[in-house]
Amino acid sequence: LLYKPIDRVTRSTLVLHDLLKHTPADHPDYPLLQDALRISQNFLSSINEDIDPRRTAVTTPKGEVSQQGG
C-alpha cells in the first residue's frame, strides 16, 4: 500500500517519537534519535505553515494581492 509522501513523514515522526520514548538516555543512538525527531517535527511544522489558509495570499476582484487572516 502506497502512502502520500507527507503521510510517510507523519508516520515516521510518530515512530521516531515512540523510539525515543523507549530508548534509554545513555544509549549511543539517543542523541541521533533526538536530532531526527527534531528535524522531522520542524519539517512538518513548515508544511503546516505553508498550507495554513489564514496565510494564503488571494487575489481580490480588482487584481490586487491581499493577505488573509490576522
Protein backbone atom coordinates (compact mmCIF):
# COMPACT_ATOMS: atom_id res chain seq x y z
CA LEU A 1 0.00 0.00 0.00
CA LEU A 2 1.42 3.35 -1.04
CA TYR A 3 1.03 6.44 1.08
CA LYS A 4 1.39 10.06 0.11
CA PRO A 5 4.87 11.37 0.96
CA ILE A 6 3.51 13.60 3.72
CA ASP A 7 1.79 10.58 5.29
CA ARG A 8 5.13 8.77 5.38
CA VAL A 9 6.78 11.74 7.08
CA THR A 10 3.98 11.91 9.63
CA ARG A 11 4.19 8.18 10.33
CA SER A 12 7.99 8.35 10.56
CA THR A 13 7.72 11.19 13.07
CA LEU A 14 5.40 9.12 15.23
CA VAL A 15 7.76 6.13 15.04
CA LEU A 16 10.74 8.32 15.97
CA HIS A 17 8.80 9.71 18.93
CA ASP A 18 8.00 6.20 20.18
CA LEU A 19 11.57 5.01 19.64
CA LEU A 20 12.94 7.94 21.59
CA LYS A 21 10.46 7.34 24.40
CA HIS A 22 11.64 3.74 24.75
CA THR A 23 15.37 4.37 24.25
CA PRO A 24 17.47 4.85 27.38
CA ALA A 25 19.05 8.32 27.58
CA ASP A 26 22.52 6.78 27.87
CA HIS A 27 22.12 4.75 24.66
CA PRO A 28 24.55 5.86 21.90
CA ASP A 29 21.66 6.38 19.44
CA TYR A 30 19.63 8.60 21.77
CA PRO A 31 21.10 11.93 20.55
CA LEU A 32 20.68 10.82 16.93
CA LEU A 33 17.04 9.96 17.55
CA GLN A 34 16.52 13.37 19.17
CA ASP A 35 18.02 15.09 16.12
CA ALA A 36 15.97 13.01 13.69
CA LEU A 37 12.77 13.71 15.61
CA ARG A 38 13.52 17.44 15.79
CA ILE A 39 14.21 17.61 12.04
CA SER A 40 11.06 15.67 11.22
CA GLN A 41 8.89 17.85 13.51
CA ASN A 42 10.38 21.04 12.04
CA PHE A 43 9.67 19.76 8.54
CA LEU A 44 6.05 19.02 9.42
CA SER A 45 5.68 22.44 11.07
CA SER A 46 6.99 24.18 7.97
CA ILE A 47 4.49 22.28 5.83
CA ASN A 48 1.65 23.28 8.17
CA GLU A 49 2.72 26.93 7.91
CA ASP A 50 2.83 26.72 4.11
CA ILE A 51 -0.72 25.34 3.85
CA ASP A 52 -2.28 27.47 6.62
CA PRO A 53 -5.29 29.05 4.85
CA ARG A 54 -5.01 32.17 7.01
CA ARG A 55 -1.59 32.84 5.47
CA THR A 56 -2.62 32.19 1.87
CA ALA A 57 -2.44 35.18 -0.44
CA VAL A 58 -5.56 35.71 -2.53
CA THR A 59 -6.31 37.93 -5.48
CA THR A 60 -9.09 40.46 -4.96
CA PRO A 61 -11.63 41.17 -7.72
CA LYS A 62 -9.59 44.28 -8.69
CA GLY A 63 -6.49 42.13 -9.20
CA GLU A 64 -4.75 43.22 -6.02
CA VAL A 65 -3.00 40.66 -3.88
CA SER A 66 -4.26 40.52 -0.30
CA GLN A 67 -3.06 38.58 2.72
CA GLN A 68 -5.86 36.71 4.50
CA GLY A 69 -6.04 36.19 8.22
CA GLY A 70 -4.61 38.03 11.09
